[in-house]
Amino acid sequence: MADEKREVHNVTKSFKPYQIQEYKEAFTMIDVNRDGIIDMEDLKDMYSNLGRIPPDAELKEMLKEAPGPLNFTMFLNLFGEKLSGTDPEETIRQAFSMFDDDNKGHIPEEYLKDLLSNMGDNFTADEIKQTWKEAPLEKGQFDYKSFVGILKGKEESNE
């Protein structure tokens, strides 16, 4: 038991408490059957809620990134490794790209609004309206690559 606590402590020391809480919420959302492990069925259920189920081979590749069962500690370890080795801007861009099957750099505005209002910490209509004030939109498409640029510094140079 002491070893397990030490392992969790070592993983969590690279995250701030609010980040751990956000990852816990994400983990819980993905762990549809609430058994404490993310498996193939959980991924299928999560993706079906998003309107797309990748082929089993793609889901297996995702799960292979973990050297064992994908419990919350492993989930944190994987994110810690990914975040320590990547540019934060690229990490945000990759998160958006999960919803961009054709890798065009944009997501349909209505699809993103639906995701924001129905997944995770559901945005209210007012929160979406506030977000959209700064959103780079063109012809009903949300340009997430431009948005990431805005998030990562362009807004600071305008002050």
N, C-alpha and C. Protein backbone atom coordinates (compact mmCIF):
# COMPACT_ATOMS: atom_id res chain seq x y z
N MET A 1 0.82 -1.19 0.00
CA MET A 1 0.00 0.00 0.00
C MET A 1 0.86 1.25 0.00
N ALA A 2 1.93 1.25 0.81
CA ALA A 2 2.81 2.42 0.85
C ALA A 2 3.46 2.64 -0.51
N ASP A 3 3.85 1.55 -1.18
CA ASP A 3 4.45 1.68 -2.51
C ASP A 3 3.48 2.30 -3.50
N GLU A 4 2.21 1.89 -3.42
CA GLU A 4 1.20 2.42 -4.34
C GLU A 4 1.04 3.92 -4.12
N LYS A 5 1.00 4.36 -2.85
CA LYS A 5 0.87 5.79 -2.57
C LYS A 5 2.09 6.55 -3.07
N ARG A 6 3.27 5.99 -2.89
CA ARG A 6 4.49 6.63 -3.35
C ARG A 6 4.45 6.79 -4.87
N GLU A 7 3.99 5.76 -5.57
CA GLU A 7 3.91 5.80 -7.02
C GLU A 7 2.96 6.91 -7.47
N VAL A 8 1.80 7.02 -6.83
CA VAL A 8 0.84 8.07 -7.17
C VAL A 8 1.45 9.43 -6.88
N HIS A 9 2.13 9.56 -5.73
CA HIS A 9 2.75 10.83 -5.37
C HIS A 9 3.78 11.24 -6.42
N ASN A 10 4.61 10.32 -6.86
CA ASN A 10 5.63 10.64 -7.86
C ASN A 10 4.99 11.11 -9.16
N VAL A 11 3.90 10.49 -9.55
CA VAL A 11 3.21 10.88 -10.77
C VAL A 11 2.58 12.26 -10.60
N THR A 12 1.94 12.47 -9.47
CA THR A 12 1.17 13.70 -9.28
C THR A 12 2.04 14.92 -9.01
N LYS A 13 3.29 14.75 -8.61
CA LYS A 13 4.08 15.94 -8.28
C LYS A 13 4.39 16.80 -9.50
N SER A 14 4.25 16.24 -10.70
CA SER A 14 4.50 17.05 -11.90
C SER A 14 3.25 17.81 -12.35
N PHE A 15 2.14 17.65 -11.63
CA PHE A 15 0.90 18.34 -11.98
C PHE A 15 0.44 19.22 -10.82
N LYS A 16 -0.23 20.29 -11.14
CA LYS A 16 -0.86 21.13 -10.12
C LYS A 16 -2.18 20.45 -9.72
N PRO A 17 -2.67 20.70 -8.49
CA PRO A 17 -3.91 20.04 -8.05
C PRO A 17 -5.09 20.23 -9.00
N TYR A 18 -5.25 21.44 -9.55
CA TYR A 18 -6.38 21.65 -10.46
C TYR A 18 -6.22 20.81 -11.73
N GLN A 19 -4.96 20.57 -12.17
CA GLN A 19 -4.74 19.74 -13.35
C GLN A 19 -5.11 18.29 -13.07
N ILE A 20 -4.75 17.81 -11.88
CA ILE A 20 -5.10 16.44 -11.50
C ILE A 20 -6.61 16.28 -11.50
N GLN A 21 -7.31 17.28 -10.97
CA GLN A 21 -8.77 17.23 -10.95
C GLN A 21 -9.34 17.19 -12.37
N GLU A 22 -8.78 18.00 -13.27
CA GLU A 22 -9.25 18.01 -14.66
C GLU A 22 -8.99 16.67 -15.33
N TYR A 23 -7.81 16.07 -15.09
CA TYR A 23 -7.51 14.76 -15.66
C TYR A 23 -8.43 13.69 -15.08
N LYS A 24 -8.74 13.81 -13.78
CA LYS A 24 -9.64 12.85 -13.15
C LYS A 24 -11.03 12.93 -13.79
N GLU A 25 -11.50 14.16 -14.05
CA GLU A 25 -12.80 14.33 -14.70
C GLU A 25 -12.77 13.73 -16.10
N ALA A 26 -11.68 13.96 -16.83
CA ALA A 26 -11.55 13.40 -18.18
C ALA A 26 -11.52 11.88 -18.12
N PHE A 27 -10.74 11.34 -17.20
CA PHE A 27 -10.64 9.89 -17.05
C PHE A 27 -12.02 9.29 -16.75
N THR A 28 -12.74 9.91 -15.83
CA THR A 28 -14.07 9.42 -15.45
C THR A 28 -15.03 9.47 -16.64
N MET A 29 -14.91 10.52 -17.45
CA MET A 29 -15.77 10.64 -18.62
C MET A 29 -15.48 9.52 -19.63
N ILE A 30 -14.21 9.16 -19.78
CA ILE A 30 -13.81 8.12 -20.74
C ILE A 30 -14.13 6.72 -20.20
N ASP A 31 -13.97 6.54 -18.88
CA ASP A 31 -14.22 5.23 -18.24
C ASP A 31 -15.73 5.03 -18.08
N VAL A 32 -16.39 4.78 -19.18
CA VAL A 32 -17.85 4.73 -19.24
C VAL A 32 -18.43 3.70 -18.27
N ASN A 33 -17.81 2.53 -18.17
CA ASN A 33 -18.37 1.48 -17.30
C ASN A 33 -17.93 1.63 -15.84
N ARG A 34 -17.15 2.66 -15.54
CA ARG A 34 -16.74 3.02 -14.17
C ARG A 34 -16.03 1.90 -13.42
N ASP A 35 -15.20 1.12 -14.15
CA ASP A 35 -14.47 0.04 -13.47
C ASP A 35 -13.04 0.46 -13.10
N GLY A 36 -12.69 1.72 -13.34
CA GLY A 36 -11.36 2.20 -12.97
C GLY A 36 -10.29 1.93 -14.01
N ILE A 37 -10.66 1.35 -15.14
CA ILE A 37 -9.71 1.03 -16.21
C ILE A 37 -10.34 1.45 -17.54
N ILE A 38 -9.57 2.13 -18.37
CA ILE A 38 -10.04 2.47 -19.71
C ILE A 38 -9.67 1.32 -20.63
N ASP A 39 -10.69 0.73 -21.25
CA ASP A 39 -10.45 -0.39 -22.16
C ASP A 39 -11.10 -0.09 -23.51
N MET A 40 -11.06 -1.06 -24.40
CA MET A 40 -11.56 -0.90 -25.76
C MET A 40 -13.04 -0.47 -25.76
N GLU A 41 -13.85 -1.11 -24.92
CA GLU A 41 -15.29 -0.78 -24.91
C GLU A 41 -15.52 0.66 -24.44
N ASP A 42 -14.73 1.11 -23.45
CA ASP A 42 -14.84 2.50 -23.00
C ASP A 42 -14.53 3.46 -24.14
N LEU A 43 -13.46 3.18 -24.88
CA LEU A 43 -13.10 4.05 -26.00
C LEU A 43 -14.19 4.06 -27.06
N LYS A 44 -14.75 2.88 -27.36
CA LYS A 44 -15.84 2.82 -28.35
C LYS A 44 -17.03 3.65 -27.89
N ASP A 45 -17.40 3.50 -26.62
CA ASP A 45 -18.54 4.26 -26.09
C ASP A 45 -18.27 5.77 -26.14
N MET A 46 -17.05 6.17 -25.75
CA MET A 46 -16.72 7.59 -25.76
C MET A 46 -16.79 8.14 -27.18
N TYR A 47 -16.16 7.43 -28.12
CA TYR A 47 -16.16 7.90 -29.50
C TYR A 47 -17.55 7.89 -30.10
N SER A 48 -18.38 6.91 -29.74
CA SER A 48 -19.74 6.89 -30.31
C SER A 48 -20.53 8.10 -29.82
N ASN A 49 -20.25 8.57 -28.60
CA ASN A 49 -20.88 9.79 -28.10
C ASN A 49 -20.44 11.00 -28.89
N LEU A 50 -19.25 10.92 -29.48
CA LEU A 50 -18.72 12.03 -30.29
C LEU A 50 -19.11 11.90 -31.76
N GLY A 51 -19.78 10.81 -32.10
CA GLY A 51 -20.26 10.65 -33.46
C GLY A 51 -19.32 9.92 -34.40
N ARG A 52 -18.25 9.31 -33.88
CA ARG A 52 -17.31 8.60 -34.75
C ARG A 52 -16.68 7.47 -33.97
N ILE A 53 -16.72 6.28 -34.49
CA ILE A 53 -16.04 5.16 -33.84
C ILE A 53 -14.89 4.72 -34.75
N PRO A 54 -13.64 4.93 -34.29
CA PRO A 54 -12.50 4.49 -35.10
C PRO A 54 -12.46 2.96 -35.20
N PRO A 55 -11.76 2.45 -36.20
CA PRO A 55 -11.61 0.98 -36.32
C PRO A 55 -10.91 0.40 -35.09
N ASP A 56 -11.20 -0.87 -34.79
CA ASP A 56 -10.60 -1.54 -33.63
C ASP A 56 -9.08 -1.42 -33.63
N ALA A 57 -8.46 -1.53 -34.80
CA ALA A 57 -7.00 -1.46 -34.88
C ALA A 57 -6.48 -0.12 -34.35
N GLU A 58 -7.19 0.96 -34.67
CA GLU A 58 -6.79 2.29 -34.20
C GLU A 58 -6.95 2.39 -32.69
N LEU A 59 -8.04 1.84 -32.16
CA LEU A 59 -8.27 1.85 -30.72
C LEU A 59 -7.21 1.01 -29.99
N LYS A 60 -6.85 -0.13 -30.57
CA LYS A 60 -5.82 -0.98 -29.96
C LYS A 60 -4.48 -0.25 -29.91
N GLU A 61 -4.18 0.51 -30.96
CA GLU A 61 -2.93 1.29 -30.98
C GLU A 61 -2.92 2.32 -29.85
N MET A 62 -4.07 2.95 -29.61
CA MET A 62 -4.17 3.92 -28.51
C MET A 62 -3.88 3.24 -27.18
N LEU A 63 -4.49 2.09 -26.98
CA LEU A 63 -4.32 1.38 -25.71
C LEU A 63 -2.91 0.83 -25.54
N LYS A 64 -2.22 0.55 -26.65
CA LYS A 64 -0.85 0.01 -26.59
C LYS A 64 0.14 1.01 -26.00
N GLU A 65 -0.22 2.30 -26.01
CA GLU A 65 0.69 3.30 -25.45
C GLU A 65 0.93 3.09 -23.97
N ALA A 66 -0.04 2.46 -23.30
CA ALA A 66 0.11 2.16 -21.88
C ALA A 66 0.77 0.79 -21.73
N PRO A 67 1.80 0.68 -20.87
CA PRO A 67 2.48 -0.61 -20.70
C PRO A 67 1.68 -1.62 -19.90
N GLY A 68 0.53 -1.21 -19.39
CA GLY A 68 -0.34 -2.13 -18.63
C GLY A 68 -1.75 -1.62 -18.67
N PRO A 69 -2.61 -2.13 -17.77
CA PRO A 69 -3.99 -1.65 -17.74
C PRO A 69 -4.02 -0.13 -17.54
N LEU A 70 -4.91 0.52 -18.24
CA LEU A 70 -4.95 1.99 -18.24
C LEU A 70 -5.84 2.49 -17.10
N ASN A 71 -5.24 2.46 -15.87
CA ASN A 71 -5.94 3.01 -14.72
C ASN A 71 -5.59 4.50 -14.61
N PHE A 72 -6.08 5.19 -13.59
CA PHE A 72 -5.87 6.64 -13.50
C PHE A 72 -4.40 7.00 -13.35
N THR A 73 -3.64 6.22 -12.57
CA THR A 73 -2.21 6.50 -12.40
C THR A 73 -1.48 6.40 -13.74
N MET A 74 -1.79 5.36 -14.51
CA MET A 74 -1.18 5.20 -15.83
C MET A 74 -1.60 6.34 -16.76
N PHE A 75 -2.86 6.74 -16.66
CA PHE A 75 -3.39 7.86 -17.45
C PHE A 75 -2.56 9.11 -17.18
N LEU A 76 -2.32 9.42 -15.91
CA LEU A 76 -1.50 10.58 -15.55
C LEU A 76 -0.07 10.44 -16.07
N ASN A 77 0.49 9.23 -15.92
CA ASN A 77 1.86 8.98 -16.41
C ASN A 77 1.96 9.29 -17.91
N LEU A 78 0.99 8.78 -18.68
CA LEU A 78 1.01 8.99 -20.13
C LEU A 78 0.92 10.46 -20.47
N PHE A 79 0.02 11.18 -19.80
CA PHE A 79 -0.09 12.61 -20.08
C PHE A 79 1.16 13.36 -19.65
N GLY A 80 1.75 12.96 -18.52
CA GLY A 80 2.99 13.59 -18.07
C GLY A 80 4.10 13.42 -19.08
N GLU A 81 4.22 12.21 -19.63
CA GLU A 81 5.25 11.95 -20.64
C GLU A 81 4.98 12.76 -21.90
N LYS A 82 3.73 12.79 -22.33
CA LYS A 82 3.37 13.51 -23.56
C LYS A 82 3.63 15.01 -23.38
N LEU A 83 3.20 15.55 -22.24
CA LEU A 83 3.31 16.99 -22.05
C LEU A 83 4.75 17.44 -21.82
N SER A 84 5.56 16.60 -21.18
CA SER A 84 6.94 17.00 -20.94
C SER A 84 7.76 16.99 -22.22
N GLY A 85 7.32 16.21 -23.21
CA GLY A 85 8.08 16.11 -24.44
C GLY A 85 7.52 16.89 -25.60
N THR A 86 6.46 17.67 -25.37
CA THR A 86 5.87 18.38 -26.49
C THR A 86 5.68 19.85 -26.17
N ASP A 87 5.60 20.61 -27.20
CA ASP A 87 5.30 22.01 -27.12
C ASP A 87 3.82 22.15 -26.71
N PRO A 88 3.50 22.97 -25.70
CA PRO A 88 2.11 23.10 -25.28
C PRO A 88 1.18 23.51 -26.43
N GLU A 89 1.66 24.34 -27.33
CA GLU A 89 0.85 24.75 -28.47
C GLU A 89 0.50 23.54 -29.34
N GLU A 90 1.48 22.68 -29.56
CA GLU A 90 1.25 21.48 -30.36
C GLU A 90 0.28 20.52 -29.65
N THR A 91 0.39 20.44 -28.32
CA THR A 91 -0.51 19.59 -27.54
C THR A 91 -1.96 20.04 -27.71
N ILE A 92 -2.20 21.33 -27.64
CA ILE A 92 -3.56 21.86 -27.80
C ILE A 92 -4.04 21.60 -29.23
N ARG A 93 -3.18 21.83 -30.20
CA ARG A 93 -3.54 21.60 -31.60
C ARG A 93 -3.91 20.13 -31.83
N GLN A 94 -3.14 19.23 -31.22
CA GLN A 94 -3.42 17.79 -31.36
C GLN A 94 -4.76 17.43 -30.73
N ALA A 95 -5.10 18.07 -29.61
CA ALA A 95 -6.39 17.79 -28.97
C ALA A 95 -7.53 18.17 -29.91
N PHE A 96 -7.45 19.33 -30.54
CA PHE A 96 -8.47 19.72 -31.51
C PHE A 96 -8.47 18.78 -32.71
N SER A 97 -7.30 18.35 -33.14
CA SER A 97 -7.22 17.53 -34.36
C SER A 97 -7.91 16.18 -34.21
N MET A 98 -8.16 15.74 -32.97
CA MET A 98 -8.89 14.49 -32.74
C MET A 98 -10.29 14.55 -33.36
N PHE A 99 -10.82 15.78 -33.52
CA PHE A 99 -12.16 15.95 -34.05
C PHE A 99 -12.15 16.39 -35.51
N ASP A 100 -10.97 16.39 -36.10
CA ASP A 100 -10.78 16.83 -37.49
C ASP A 100 -10.30 15.64 -38.32
N ASP A 101 -11.25 14.78 -38.70
CA ASP A 101 -10.90 13.53 -39.40
C ASP A 101 -10.08 13.76 -40.66
N ASP A 102 -10.34 14.86 -41.37
CA ASP A 102 -9.65 15.10 -42.64
C ASP A 102 -8.38 15.93 -42.48
N ASN A 103 -8.04 16.30 -41.23
CA ASN A 103 -6.83 17.06 -40.92
C ASN A 103 -6.75 18.35 -41.74
N LYS A 104 -7.87 19.07 -41.77
CA LYS A 104 -7.94 20.32 -42.54
C LYS A 104 -7.58 21.55 -41.71
N GLY A 105 -7.52 21.40 -40.39
CA GLY A 105 -7.19 22.54 -39.55
C GLY A 105 -8.41 23.29 -39.06
N HIS A 106 -9.58 22.76 -39.36
CA HIS A 106 -10.80 23.40 -38.87
C HIS A 106 -11.86 22.35 -38.58
N ILE A 107 -12.82 22.77 -37.74
CA ILE A 107 -13.91 21.89 -37.31
C ILE A 107 -15.21 22.63 -37.57
N PRO A 108 -16.25 21.96 -38.06
CA PRO A 108 -17.53 22.65 -38.25
C PRO A 108 -17.99 23.32 -36.95
N GLU A 109 -18.38 24.56 -37.06
CA GLU A 109 -18.79 25.37 -35.90
C GLU A 109 -19.89 24.68 -35.09
N GLU A 110 -20.91 24.17 -35.74
CA GLU A 110 -22.03 23.55 -35.03
C GLU A 110 -21.60 22.28 -34.29
N TYR A 111 -20.68 21.52 -34.89
CA TYR A 111 -20.16 20.31 -34.25
C TYR A 111 -19.41 20.68 -32.97
N LEU A 112 -18.57 21.71 -33.04
CA LEU A 112 -17.81 22.13 -31.86
C LEU A 112 -18.75 22.68 -30.79
N LYS A 113 -19.75 23.45 -31.18
CA LYS A 113 -20.72 23.95 -30.20
C LYS A 113 -21.42 22.78 -29.51
N ASP A 114 -21.78 21.76 -30.29
CA ASP A 114 -22.43 20.57 -29.73
C ASP A 114 -21.51 19.87 -28.72
N LEU A 115 -20.22 19.72 -29.09
CA LEU A 115 -19.26 19.10 -28.17
C LEU A 115 -19.14 19.91 -26.88
N LEU A 116 -19.03 21.23 -27.01
CA LEU A 116 -18.86 22.09 -25.83
C LEU A 116 -20.08 22.03 -24.91
N SER A 117 -21.25 21.92 -25.48
CA SER A 117 -22.45 21.95 -24.66
C SER A 117 -22.85 20.57 -24.13
N ASN A 118 -22.29 19.49 -24.68
CA ASN A 118 -22.74 18.16 -24.29
C ASN A 118 -21.66 17.23 -23.74
N MET A 119 -20.41 17.64 -23.69
CA MET A 119 -19.34 16.77 -23.21
C MET A 119 -18.58 17.44 -22.06
N GLY A 120 -18.12 16.65 -21.11
CA GLY A 120 -17.27 17.16 -20.03
C GLY A 120 -17.98 18.21 -19.20
N ASP A 121 -17.27 19.32 -18.94
CA ASP A 121 -17.87 20.46 -18.23
C ASP A 121 -18.71 21.23 -19.23
N ASN A 122 -19.98 20.87 -19.32
CA ASN A 122 -20.86 21.44 -20.33
C ASN A 122 -20.86 22.96 -20.29
N PHE A 123 -20.57 23.57 -21.44
CA PHE A 123 -20.62 25.02 -21.55
C PHE A 123 -22.08 25.45 -21.60
N THR A 124 -22.39 26.59 -20.98
CA THR A 124 -23.72 27.17 -21.12
C THR A 124 -23.75 27.94 -22.44
N ALA A 125 -24.94 28.32 -22.86
CA ALA A 125 -25.06 29.12 -24.09
C ALA A 125 -24.27 30.42 -23.97
N ASP A 126 -24.28 31.04 -22.78
CA ASP A 126 -23.53 32.29 -22.57
C ASP A 126 -22.02 32.06 -22.66
N GLU A 127 -21.54 30.94 -22.12
CA GLU A 127 -20.11 30.63 -22.19
C GLU A 127 -19.68 30.40 -23.64
N ILE A 128 -20.51 29.71 -24.41
CA ILE A 128 -20.19 29.49 -25.83
C ILE A 128 -20.18 30.83 -26.56
N LYS A 129 -21.17 31.67 -26.28
CA LYS A 129 -21.24 33.00 -26.92
C LYS A 129 -19.98 33.81 -26.61
N GLN A 130 -19.52 33.75 -25.36
CA GLN A 130 -18.30 34.47 -24.95
C GLN A 130 -17.08 33.92 -25.67
N THR A 131 -16.98 32.61 -25.76
CA THR A 131 -15.85 31.96 -26.45
C THR A 131 -15.85 32.35 -27.93
N TRP A 132 -17.03 32.40 -28.52
CA TRP A 132 -17.14 32.68 -29.96
C TRP A 132 -16.75 34.10 -30.32
N LYS A 133 -16.72 35.02 -29.32
CA LYS A 133 -16.30 36.40 -29.61
C LYS A 133 -14.87 36.43 -30.14
N GLU A 134 -14.04 35.52 -29.65
CA GLU A 134 -12.63 35.47 -30.04
C GLU A 134 -12.34 34.39 -31.08
N ALA A 135 -13.33 33.58 -31.39
CA ALA A 135 -13.10 32.42 -32.23
C ALA A 135 -12.91 32.81 -33.70
N PRO A 136 -11.86 32.25 -34.33
CA PRO A 136 -11.67 32.48 -35.77
C PRO A 136 -12.61 31.58 -36.58
N LEU A 137 -13.69 32.19 -37.07
CA LEU A 137 -14.70 31.45 -37.82
C LEU A 137 -14.75 31.96 -39.25
N GLU A 138 -14.88 31.02 -40.16
CA GLU A 138 -15.06 31.39 -41.56
C GLU A 138 -15.94 30.35 -42.24
N LYS A 139 -17.04 30.81 -42.81
CA LYS A 139 -17.98 29.94 -43.53
C LYS A 139 -18.41 28.74 -42.68
N GLY A 140 -18.73 29.01 -41.40
CA GLY A 140 -19.22 27.94 -40.53
C GLY A 140 -18.16 26.98 -40.03
N GLN A 141 -16.89 27.32 -40.23
CA GLN A 141 -15.79 26.46 -39.78
C GLN A 141 -14.97 27.17 -38.71
N PHE A 142 -14.66 26.45 -37.63
CA PHE A 142 -13.82 26.96 -36.55
C PHE A 142 -12.37 26.59 -36.89
N ASP A 143 -11.53 27.61 -37.09
CA ASP A 143 -10.12 27.41 -37.45
C ASP A 143 -9.31 27.22 -36.16
N TYR A 144 -9.15 25.96 -35.75
CA TYR A 144 -8.49 25.72 -34.47
C TYR A 144 -7.00 26.02 -34.50
N LYS A 145 -6.37 25.94 -35.66
CA LYS A 145 -4.94 26.27 -35.72
C LYS A 145 -4.73 27.76 -35.42
N SER A 146 -5.57 28.61 -35.98
CA SER A 146 -5.50 30.04 -35.66
C SER A 146 -5.86 30.29 -34.20
N PHE A 147 -6.87 29.55 -33.70
CA PHE A 147 -7.30 29.71 -32.32
C PHE A 147 -6.17 29.38 -31.36
N VAL A 148 -5.42 28.31 -31.63
CA VAL A 148 -4.29 27.94 -30.78
C VAL A 148 -3.25 29.06 -30.78
N GLY A 149 -3.02 29.66 -31.94
CA GLY A 149 -2.11 30.81 -32.02
C GLY A 149 -2.58 31.95 -31.15
N ILE A 150 -3.88 32.22 -31.15
CA ILE A 150 -4.44 33.28 -30.31
C ILE A 150 -4.22 32.94 -28.84
N LEU A 151 -4.50 31.68 -28.47
CA LEU A 151 -4.34 31.26 -27.08
C LEU A 151 -2.88 31.37 -26.62
N LYS A 152 -1.95 31.07 -27.50
CA LYS A 152 -0.55 30.96 -27.09
C LYS A 152 0.28 32.21 -27.32
N GLY A 153 -0.37 33.38 -27.35
CA GLY A 153 0.47 34.57 -27.32
C GLY A 153 0.07 35.71 -28.20
N LYS A 154 -0.65 35.47 -29.28
CA LYS A 154 -0.98 36.59 -30.15
C LYS A 154 -1.84 37.62 -29.44
N GLU A 155 -2.72 37.15 -28.50
CA GLU A 155 -3.57 38.12 -27.81
C GLU A 155 -2.73 39.02 -26.90
N GLU A 156 -1.58 38.51 -26.42
CA GLU A 156 -0.73 39.32 -25.53
C GLU A 156 -0.08 40.47 -26.29
N SER A 157 0.26 40.23 -27.56
CA SER A 157 0.94 41.28 -28.33
C SER A 157 0.00 42.41 -28.71
N ASN A 158 -1.32 42.20 -28.58
CA ASN A 158 -2.28 43.24 -28.90
C ASN A 158 -2.52 44.20 -27.75
N GLU A 159 -1.99 43.88 -26.59
CA GLU A 159 -2.25 44.73 -25.41
C GLU A 159 -1.34 45.92 -25.37
